[in-house]
Amino acid sequence: MLEERVDTGNRRTGKRLSRRELEVLEAASHGETNAEIAMRLGVSVHAVKFHLGSIYKKLAVANRTEAVVWLLEHRAEQGL
């Protein structure tokens, strides 16, 4: 799992992503819609939107694209 391989924290905010937030971000990085993520994780679309909002705050990013870029950069830093 990504959480075990990548530091899921943001050095700027000092906050770490939860396991569920990481799952949502992983799915978003594969281009899944909120509805697809909700169906796969067995949660509501509202829950997915809530998790995305928390992710944006913790990573100090403005949107989904910036969050995915953050994820990809951290993968690259770790050599994954």
Protein backbone atom coordinates (compact mmCIF):
# COMPACT_ATOMS: atom_id res chain seq x y z
CA MET A 1 0.00 0.00 0.00
CA LEU A 2 1.19 3.51 -0.77
CA GLU A 3 0.91 4.65 2.86
CA GLU A 4 3.62 2.20 3.85
CA ARG A 5 5.98 3.38 1.12
CA VAL A 6 5.47 7.14 0.96
CA ASP A 7 5.55 9.78 3.66
CA THR A 8 1.92 10.85 3.49
CA GLY A 9 2.49 14.07 5.40
CA ASN A 10 2.87 17.59 4.15
CA ARG A 11 5.97 19.30 5.43
CA ARG A 12 4.33 22.71 5.07
CA THR A 13 1.27 21.89 7.18
CA GLY A 14 2.63 19.03 9.29
CA LYS A 15 -0.57 17.05 8.68
CA ARG A 16 -0.76 13.46 7.50
CA LEU A 17 -3.33 11.87 5.22
CA SER A 18 -5.53 9.16 6.69
CA ARG A 19 -5.64 5.74 5.06
CA ARG A 20 -9.05 6.54 3.53
CA GLU A 21 -7.87 9.92 2.23
CA LEU A 22 -4.94 8.18 0.60
CA GLU A 23 -7.29 5.66 -1.04
CA VAL A 24 -9.41 8.51 -2.41
CA LEU A 25 -6.33 10.36 -3.70
CA GLU A 26 -4.97 7.19 -5.31
CA ALA A 27 -8.29 6.65 -7.10
CA ALA A 28 -8.37 10.30 -8.20
CA SER A 29 -4.86 9.92 -9.58
CA HIS A 30 -6.18 7.15 -11.85
CA GLY A 31 -8.81 9.50 -13.25
CA GLU A 32 -11.79 8.05 -11.39
CA THR A 33 -14.78 10.33 -10.89
CA ASN A 34 -16.21 11.02 -7.44
CA ALA A 35 -19.07 8.61 -8.22
CA GLU A 36 -16.65 5.86 -9.29
CA ILE A 37 -14.53 6.37 -6.17
CA ALA A 38 -17.65 6.24 -3.99
CA MET A 39 -18.83 3.02 -5.59
CA ARG A 40 -15.43 1.34 -5.29
CA LEU A 41 -14.98 2.34 -1.64
CA GLY A 42 -18.59 1.71 -0.65
CA VAL A 43 -19.25 5.27 0.53
CA SER A 44 -21.42 8.14 -0.64
CA VAL A 45 -20.34 10.73 -3.19
CA HIS A 46 -20.70 13.26 -0.37
CA ALA A 47 -18.12 11.32 1.68
CA VAL A 48 -15.70 11.34 -1.25
CA LYS A 49 -16.12 15.11 -1.61
CA PHE A 50 -15.55 15.52 2.12
CA HIS A 51 -12.35 13.46 1.94
CA LEU A 52 -11.13 15.46 -1.05
CA GLY A 53 -11.71 18.69 0.86
CA SER A 54 -9.69 17.35 3.79
CA ILE A 55 -6.92 16.26 1.42
CA TYR A 56 -6.73 19.72 -0.16
CA LYS A 57 -6.51 21.35 3.25
CA LYS A 58 -3.86 18.98 4.59
CA LEU A 59 -1.72 19.24 1.47
CA ALA A 60 -2.26 23.01 1.15
CA VAL A 61 -3.45 22.65 -2.44
CA ALA A 62 -6.38 24.28 -4.24
CA ASN A 63 -7.83 21.42 -6.25
CA ARG A 64 -7.79 17.80 -7.41
CA THR A 65 -5.11 18.39 -10.02
CA GLU A 66 -2.71 19.92 -7.51
CA ALA A 67 -3.38 17.06 -5.08
CA VAL A 68 -2.60 14.46 -7.76
CA VAL A 69 0.56 16.35 -8.70
CA TRP A 70 1.56 16.29 -5.01
CA LEU A 71 1.04 12.52 -4.97
CA LEU A 72 3.05 11.97 -8.15
CA GLU A 73 5.91 14.14 -6.90
CA HIS A 74 6.06 12.22 -3.64
CA ARG A 75 6.09 8.93 -5.51
CA ALA A 76 9.00 10.24 -7.60
CA GLU A 77 10.89 11.37 -4.49
CA GLN A 78 10.55 7.87 -3.07
CA GLY A 79 11.57 6.23 -6.35
CA LEU A 80 8.28 4.38 -6.76
